[in-house]
Amino acid sequence: MPHLELITLSGVKLRESVHEVLLPTPQGQIAVFSNHAPLVSIAVTGVISVRRKSDTPDDMMEHYAIDQGVIEIADDVVRVLVDEADKDSEVVAKEAEEALEHAKKLRAEARDQVSLDKAQALVDRQATRLK
């Protein structure tokens, strides 16, 4: 079983052996099982899905909304380094909806490309938290 390490700026979010991990990458979602080929990739803003045991049904998988970061897979260890990761059960929908509306307002008020890019990243992050 691969060993998953989900590490954020505030510390380790998850560190344990799992059956399967679904990771968001620029090329699309990838599934990682035991003995996966070594890989280094960018993690895009999206959702990491974790299946702890082989008999865990899809609707019982754990989900983590993540920011962009880095993925490293080697020697049956999946290491994901991101700024933030929120477990689906930790997200308060009302707060996330308010944050999304605020981010959309910032995007609408952006006066230059840098501000627009930052606001769009916030919109993407909050939309992912609501998935």
N, C-alpha and C. Protein backbone atom coordinates (compact mmCIF):
# COMPACT_ATOMS: atom_id res chain seq x y z
N MET A 1 0.84 -1.19 0.00
CA MET A 1 0.00 0.00 0.00
C MET A 1 0.88 1.25 0.00
N PRO A 2 0.51 2.24 -0.80
CA PRO A 2 1.30 3.47 -0.78
C PRO A 2 1.12 4.22 0.53
N HIS A 3 2.14 4.91 0.91
CA HIS A 3 2.11 5.73 2.12
C HIS A 3 1.90 7.17 1.68
N LEU A 4 0.79 7.79 2.10
CA LEU A 4 0.46 9.15 1.70
C LEU A 4 0.89 10.15 2.77
N GLU A 5 1.58 11.19 2.33
CA GLU A 5 1.94 12.30 3.21
C GLU A 5 1.38 13.57 2.57
N LEU A 6 0.40 14.17 3.23
CA LEU A 6 -0.18 15.43 2.79
C LEU A 6 0.31 16.50 3.76
N ILE A 7 1.17 17.38 3.26
CA ILE A 7 1.86 18.34 4.12
C ILE A 7 1.51 19.76 3.67
N THR A 8 1.08 20.58 4.64
CA THR A 8 0.72 21.97 4.38
C THR A 8 1.69 22.89 5.10
N LEU A 9 1.53 24.19 4.89
CA LEU A 9 2.37 25.16 5.58
C LEU A 9 2.20 25.09 7.10
N SER A 10 1.03 24.66 7.55
CA SER A 10 0.79 24.56 9.00
C SER A 10 1.17 23.20 9.58
N GLY A 11 1.64 22.28 8.75
CA GLY A 11 2.10 20.98 9.26
C GLY A 11 1.51 19.81 8.49
N VAL A 12 1.66 18.63 9.06
CA VAL A 12 1.20 17.40 8.42
C VAL A 12 -0.31 17.27 8.58
N LYS A 13 -1.00 17.15 7.47
CA LYS A 13 -2.46 16.99 7.48
C LYS A 13 -2.83 15.52 7.52
N LEU A 14 -2.04 14.69 6.85
CA LEU A 14 -2.32 13.26 6.79
C LEU A 14 -1.02 12.52 6.52
N ARG A 15 -0.80 11.46 7.25
CA ARG A 15 0.39 10.63 7.05
C ARG A 15 0.01 9.20 7.40
N GLU A 16 -0.30 8.39 6.39
CA GLU A 16 -0.66 6.99 6.63
C GLU A 16 -0.71 6.20 5.34
N SER A 17 -0.77 4.90 5.48
CA SER A 17 -0.86 4.01 4.33
C SER A 17 -2.31 3.98 3.84
N VAL A 18 -2.47 4.01 2.52
CA VAL A 18 -3.79 4.02 1.91
C VAL A 18 -3.79 3.04 0.73
N HIS A 19 -4.97 2.72 0.23
CA HIS A 19 -5.05 1.82 -0.92
C HIS A 19 -4.87 2.59 -2.23
N GLU A 20 -5.50 3.79 -2.31
CA GLU A 20 -5.48 4.55 -3.56
C GLU A 20 -5.57 6.04 -3.25
N VAL A 21 -4.90 6.84 -4.07
CA VAL A 21 -4.97 8.29 -3.97
C VAL A 21 -5.23 8.85 -5.36
N LEU A 22 -6.20 9.75 -5.48
CA LEU A 22 -6.47 10.45 -6.73
C LEU A 22 -5.96 11.87 -6.57
N LEU A 23 -5.09 12.30 -7.50
CA LEU A 23 -4.41 13.58 -7.38
C LEU A 23 -4.69 14.48 -8.58
N PRO A 24 -4.96 15.78 -8.34
CA PRO A 24 -5.18 16.71 -9.45
C PRO A 24 -3.86 17.25 -10.00
N THR A 25 -3.62 17.05 -11.29
CA THR A 25 -2.39 17.51 -11.93
C THR A 25 -2.78 18.34 -13.17
N PRO A 26 -1.84 19.08 -13.74
CA PRO A 26 -2.15 19.85 -14.95
C PRO A 26 -2.64 18.97 -16.11
N GLN A 27 -2.24 17.71 -16.14
CA GLN A 27 -2.64 16.80 -17.21
C GLN A 27 -3.95 16.08 -16.89
N GLY A 28 -4.54 16.37 -15.73
CA GLY A 28 -5.77 15.70 -15.31
C GLY A 28 -5.53 14.92 -14.02
N GLN A 29 -6.55 14.24 -13.59
CA GLN A 29 -6.47 13.47 -12.35
C GLN A 29 -5.70 12.18 -12.58
N ILE A 30 -4.81 11.84 -11.64
CA ILE A 30 -4.10 10.57 -11.73
C ILE A 30 -4.42 9.73 -10.50
N ALA A 31 -4.47 8.43 -10.69
CA ALA A 31 -4.70 7.49 -9.59
C ALA A 31 -3.37 6.84 -9.24
N VAL A 32 -3.09 6.76 -7.95
CA VAL A 32 -1.84 6.17 -7.48
C VAL A 32 -2.17 4.95 -6.62
N PHE A 33 -1.60 3.82 -6.99
CA PHE A 33 -1.72 2.57 -6.24
C PHE A 33 -0.32 2.13 -5.83
N SER A 34 -0.22 0.99 -5.18
CA SER A 34 1.09 0.44 -4.82
C SER A 34 1.96 0.28 -6.05
N ASN A 35 3.26 0.44 -5.85
CA ASN A 35 4.27 0.25 -6.89
C ASN A 35 4.12 1.21 -8.07
N HIS A 36 3.61 2.39 -7.82
CA HIS A 36 3.49 3.40 -8.88
C HIS A 36 4.88 3.82 -9.34
N ALA A 37 5.02 4.13 -10.59
CA ALA A 37 6.30 4.60 -11.12
C ALA A 37 6.68 5.92 -10.46
N PRO A 38 7.97 6.16 -10.26
CA PRO A 38 8.40 7.45 -9.69
C PRO A 38 7.89 8.61 -10.55
N LEU A 39 7.52 9.69 -9.87
CA LEU A 39 6.93 10.83 -10.56
C LEU A 39 7.11 12.09 -9.73
N VAL A 40 7.38 13.18 -10.40
CA VAL A 40 7.34 14.51 -9.77
C VAL A 40 6.43 15.34 -10.66
N SER A 41 5.43 16.00 -10.05
CA SER A 41 4.47 16.77 -10.82
C SER A 41 4.00 17.97 -10.01
N ILE A 42 3.34 18.86 -10.68
CA ILE A 42 2.67 19.97 -10.03
C ILE A 42 1.29 19.49 -9.60
N ALA A 43 0.86 19.88 -8.42
CA ALA A 43 -0.51 19.66 -7.98
C ALA A 43 -1.26 20.95 -8.28
N VAL A 44 -2.39 20.84 -8.96
CA VAL A 44 -3.20 22.03 -9.24
C VAL A 44 -4.30 22.14 -8.19
N THR A 45 -4.85 23.33 -8.07
CA THR A 45 -5.97 23.52 -7.16
C THR A 45 -7.06 22.53 -7.52
N GLY A 46 -7.49 21.77 -6.55
CA GLY A 46 -8.48 20.73 -6.82
C GLY A 46 -8.71 19.88 -5.59
N VAL A 47 -9.11 18.64 -5.82
CA VAL A 47 -9.47 17.73 -4.74
C VAL A 47 -8.60 16.49 -4.79
N ILE A 48 -8.03 16.14 -3.64
CA ILE A 48 -7.35 14.85 -3.48
C ILE A 48 -8.38 13.91 -2.86
N SER A 49 -8.56 12.74 -3.46
CA SER A 49 -9.47 11.74 -2.94
C SER A 49 -8.65 10.54 -2.45
N VAL A 50 -9.02 10.02 -1.27
CA VAL A 50 -8.25 8.96 -0.63
C VAL A 50 -9.16 7.77 -0.35
N ARG A 51 -8.74 6.60 -0.85
CA ARG A 51 -9.42 5.34 -0.54
C ARG A 51 -8.50 4.58 0.41
N ARG A 52 -8.93 4.43 1.66
CA ARG A 52 -8.07 3.82 2.67
C ARG A 52 -7.91 2.31 2.48
N LYS A 53 -8.99 1.63 2.10
CA LYS A 53 -8.94 0.17 1.92
C LYS A 53 -9.52 -0.17 0.55
N SER A 54 -9.14 -1.32 0.02
CA SER A 54 -9.58 -1.70 -1.33
C SER A 54 -11.09 -1.84 -1.43
N ASP A 55 -11.76 -2.16 -0.33
CA ASP A 55 -13.21 -2.37 -0.37
C ASP A 55 -13.99 -1.10 0.00
N THR A 56 -13.32 0.02 0.14
CA THR A 56 -14.00 1.28 0.45
C THR A 56 -14.74 1.75 -0.80
N PRO A 57 -16.07 1.95 -0.70
CA PRO A 57 -16.81 2.42 -1.89
C PRO A 57 -16.47 3.88 -2.20
N ASP A 58 -16.71 4.27 -3.45
CA ASP A 58 -16.38 5.63 -3.90
C ASP A 58 -17.01 6.70 -3.02
N ASP A 59 -18.26 6.49 -2.59
CA ASP A 59 -18.94 7.51 -1.81
C ASP A 59 -18.45 7.60 -0.37
N MET A 60 -17.52 6.73 0.01
CA MET A 60 -16.95 6.76 1.36
C MET A 60 -15.48 7.21 1.36
N MET A 61 -15.00 7.62 0.18
CA MET A 61 -13.62 8.12 0.10
C MET A 61 -13.52 9.46 0.83
N GLU A 62 -12.33 9.74 1.35
CA GLU A 62 -12.09 11.04 1.99
C GLU A 62 -11.61 12.01 0.92
N HIS A 63 -12.00 13.28 1.08
CA HIS A 63 -11.63 14.29 0.09
C HIS A 63 -11.00 15.49 0.79
N TYR A 64 -9.96 16.02 0.15
CA TYR A 64 -9.24 17.19 0.66
C TYR A 64 -9.16 18.22 -0.45
N ALA A 65 -9.67 19.42 -0.19
CA ALA A 65 -9.54 20.53 -1.14
C ALA A 65 -8.14 21.12 -0.94
N ILE A 66 -7.39 21.22 -2.03
CA ILE A 66 -6.01 21.70 -1.92
C ILE A 66 -5.74 22.89 -2.82
N ASP A 67 -4.70 23.63 -2.46
CA ASP A 67 -4.14 24.67 -3.31
C ASP A 67 -3.10 24.02 -4.20
N GLN A 68 -2.49 24.82 -5.05
CA GLN A 68 -1.41 24.32 -5.88
C GLN A 68 -0.24 23.88 -5.01
N GLY A 69 0.56 22.99 -5.56
CA GLY A 69 1.72 22.51 -4.82
C GLY A 69 2.54 21.57 -5.66
N VAL A 70 3.19 20.64 -4.99
CA VAL A 70 4.10 19.70 -5.64
C VAL A 70 3.75 18.28 -5.20
N ILE A 71 3.84 17.36 -6.14
CA ILE A 71 3.61 15.93 -5.87
C ILE A 71 4.91 15.19 -6.16
N GLU A 72 5.30 14.31 -5.23
CA GLU A 72 6.45 13.45 -5.46
C GLU A 72 6.03 12.02 -5.11
N ILE A 73 6.29 11.10 -6.04
CA ILE A 73 5.99 9.69 -5.81
C ILE A 73 7.28 8.91 -6.02
N ALA A 74 7.69 8.19 -4.98
CA ALA A 74 8.90 7.37 -5.06
C ALA A 74 8.87 6.33 -3.95
N ASP A 75 9.29 5.13 -4.27
CA ASP A 75 9.41 4.05 -3.28
C ASP A 75 8.13 3.86 -2.47
N ASP A 76 6.98 3.86 -3.16
CA ASP A 76 5.67 3.66 -2.53
C ASP A 76 5.31 4.75 -1.51
N VAL A 77 5.91 5.92 -1.65
CA VAL A 77 5.55 7.08 -0.83
C VAL A 77 5.00 8.16 -1.76
N VAL A 78 3.81 8.65 -1.44
CA VAL A 78 3.19 9.74 -2.18
C VAL A 78 3.25 10.96 -1.27
N ARG A 79 4.06 11.92 -1.66
CA ARG A 79 4.24 13.14 -0.84
C ARG A 79 3.64 14.31 -1.60
N VAL A 80 2.68 14.99 -0.96
CA VAL A 80 2.02 16.15 -1.56
C VAL A 80 2.28 17.35 -0.66
N LEU A 81 2.95 18.37 -1.21
CA LEU A 81 3.26 19.59 -0.48
C LEU A 81 2.41 20.72 -1.04
N VAL A 82 1.55 21.30 -0.19
CA VAL A 82 0.65 22.38 -0.62
C VAL A 82 0.57 23.44 0.47
N ASP A 83 0.11 24.63 0.08
CA ASP A 83 -0.07 25.69 1.08
C ASP A 83 -1.18 25.33 2.06
N GLU A 84 -2.33 24.91 1.53
CA GLU A 84 -3.48 24.60 2.36
C GLU A 84 -4.16 23.33 1.88
N ALA A 85 -4.78 22.62 2.83
CA ALA A 85 -5.60 21.45 2.51
C ALA A 85 -6.72 21.38 3.55
N ASP A 86 -7.95 21.30 3.07
CA ASP A 86 -9.10 21.22 3.95
C ASP A 86 -9.84 19.91 3.71
N LYS A 87 -9.99 19.12 4.76
CA LYS A 87 -10.78 17.90 4.65
C LYS A 87 -12.24 18.29 4.45
N ASP A 88 -12.95 17.53 3.61
CA ASP A 88 -14.32 17.91 3.28
C ASP A 88 -15.20 18.11 4.51
N SER A 89 -14.99 17.33 5.53
CA SER A 89 -15.81 17.45 6.75
C SER A 89 -15.46 18.69 7.57
N GLU A 90 -14.33 19.34 7.26
CA GLU A 90 -13.91 20.54 8.00
C GLU A 90 -14.42 21.83 7.37
N VAL A 91 -14.90 21.74 6.14
CA VAL A 91 -15.34 22.94 5.42
C VAL A 91 -16.75 23.31 5.86
N VAL A 92 -16.92 24.54 6.29
CA VAL A 92 -18.23 25.07 6.64
C VAL A 92 -18.77 25.75 5.39
N ALA A 93 -19.84 25.19 4.83
CA ALA A 93 -20.35 25.65 3.54
C ALA A 93 -20.67 27.14 3.53
N LYS A 94 -21.32 27.64 4.55
CA LYS A 94 -21.70 29.06 4.58
C LYS A 94 -20.47 29.96 4.53
N GLU A 95 -19.44 29.61 5.31
CA GLU A 95 -18.22 30.41 5.31
C GLU A 95 -17.51 30.34 3.95
N ALA A 96 -17.49 29.16 3.36
CA ALA A 96 -16.85 29.00 2.05
C ALA A 96 -17.61 29.77 0.98
N GLU A 97 -18.94 29.77 1.05
CA GLU A 97 -19.75 30.52 0.07
C GLU A 97 -19.49 32.02 0.22
N GLU A 98 -19.40 32.50 1.45
CA GLU A 98 -19.10 33.92 1.69
C GLU A 98 -17.71 34.27 1.16
N ALA A 99 -16.75 33.40 1.41
CA ALA A 99 -15.38 33.63 0.92
C ALA A 99 -15.36 33.63 -0.61
N LEU A 100 -16.14 32.76 -1.23
CA LEU A 100 -16.21 32.73 -2.69
C LEU A 100 -16.79 34.03 -3.23
N GLU A 101 -17.84 34.51 -2.63
CA GLU A 101 -18.44 35.78 -3.06
C GLU A 101 -17.45 36.94 -2.90
N HIS A 102 -16.71 36.94 -1.80
CA HIS A 102 -15.70 37.98 -1.58
C HIS A 102 -14.61 37.89 -2.65
N ALA A 103 -14.18 36.69 -2.97
CA ALA A 103 -13.14 36.50 -3.99
C ALA A 103 -13.64 36.97 -5.36
N LYS A 104 -14.91 36.69 -5.67
CA LYS A 104 -15.48 37.15 -6.94
C LYS A 104 -15.53 38.67 -6.99
N LYS A 105 -15.83 39.29 -5.86
CA LYS A 105 -15.85 40.76 -5.79
C LYS A 105 -14.45 41.32 -6.04
N LEU A 106 -13.44 40.70 -5.41
CA LEU A 106 -12.06 41.13 -5.63
C LEU A 106 -11.67 40.99 -7.10
N ARG A 107 -12.11 39.91 -7.72
CA ARG A 107 -11.80 39.70 -9.13
C ARG A 107 -12.45 40.78 -10.00
N ALA A 108 -13.68 41.12 -9.68
CA ALA A 108 -14.39 42.14 -10.46
C ALA A 108 -13.75 43.53 -10.30
N GLU A 109 -13.14 43.76 -9.13
CA GLU A 109 -12.55 45.06 -8.84
C GLU A 109 -11.05 45.14 -9.20
N ALA A 110 -10.49 44.05 -9.68
CA ALA A 110 -9.06 44.03 -9.99
C ALA A 110 -8.73 45.06 -11.06
N ARG A 111 -7.63 45.79 -10.83
CA ARG A 111 -7.25 46.87 -11.74
C ARG A 111 -6.00 46.54 -12.57
N ASP A 112 -5.36 45.41 -12.25
CA ASP A 112 -4.19 45.02 -13.03
C ASP A 112 -4.13 43.49 -13.10
N GLN A 113 -3.24 42.98 -13.92
CA GLN A 113 -3.18 41.53 -14.15
C GLN A 113 -2.78 40.77 -12.88
N VAL A 114 -1.87 41.34 -12.10
CA VAL A 114 -1.44 40.66 -10.87
C VAL A 114 -2.61 40.52 -9.90
N SER A 115 -3.36 41.59 -9.72
CA SER A 115 -4.53 41.55 -8.83
C SER A 115 -5.59 40.58 -9.36
N LEU A 116 -5.76 40.57 -10.68
CA LEU A 116 -6.73 39.66 -11.29
C LEU A 116 -6.31 38.21 -11.08
N ASP A 117 -5.03 37.91 -11.27
CA ASP A 117 -4.53 36.55 -11.07
C ASP A 117 -4.70 36.09 -9.63
N LYS A 118 -4.39 36.98 -8.68
CA LYS A 118 -4.55 36.64 -7.26
C LYS A 118 -6.02 36.39 -6.93
N ALA A 119 -6.89 37.25 -7.43
CA ALA A 119 -8.33 37.10 -7.17
C ALA A 119 -8.85 35.81 -7.80
N GLN A 120 -8.38 35.49 -9.02
CA GLN A 120 -8.84 34.26 -9.67
C GLN A 120 -8.38 33.03 -8.89
N ALA A 121 -7.17 33.06 -8.35
CA ALA A 121 -6.69 31.95 -7.52
C ALA A 121 -7.58 31.78 -6.29
N LEU A 122 -8.00 32.90 -5.70
CA LEU A 122 -8.92 32.83 -4.55
C LEU A 122 -10.27 32.24 -4.95
N VAL A 123 -10.78 32.67 -6.10
CA VAL A 123 -12.05 32.13 -6.58
C VAL A 123 -11.93 30.62 -6.79
N ASP A 124 -10.85 30.19 -7.44
CA ASP A 124 -10.64 28.76 -7.69
C ASP A 124 -10.56 27.98 -6.38
N ARG A 125 -9.83 28.52 -5.41
CA ARG A 125 -9.66 27.86 -4.12
C ARG A 125 -11.00 27.69 -3.41
N GLN A 126 -11.78 28.76 -3.34
CA GLN A 126 -13.05 28.69 -2.63
C GLN A 126 -14.06 27.80 -3.35
N ALA A 127 -14.05 27.83 -4.68
CA ALA A 127 -14.93 26.95 -5.44
C ALA A 127 -14.58 25.48 -5.20
N THR A 128 -13.29 25.20 -5.08
CA THR A 128 -12.86 23.83 -4.81
C THR A 128 -13.32 23.38 -3.43
N ARG A 129 -13.23 24.26 -2.45
CA ARG A 129 -13.66 23.93 -1.09
C ARG A 129 -15.15 23.56 -1.05
N LEU A 130 -15.94 24.11 -1.96
CA LEU A 130 -17.39 23.84 -1.97
C LEU A 130 -17.76 22.57 -2.74
N LYS A 131 -16.81 21.96 -3.43
CA LYS A 131 -17.12 20.73 -4.20
C LYS A 131 -17.48 19.60 -3.29
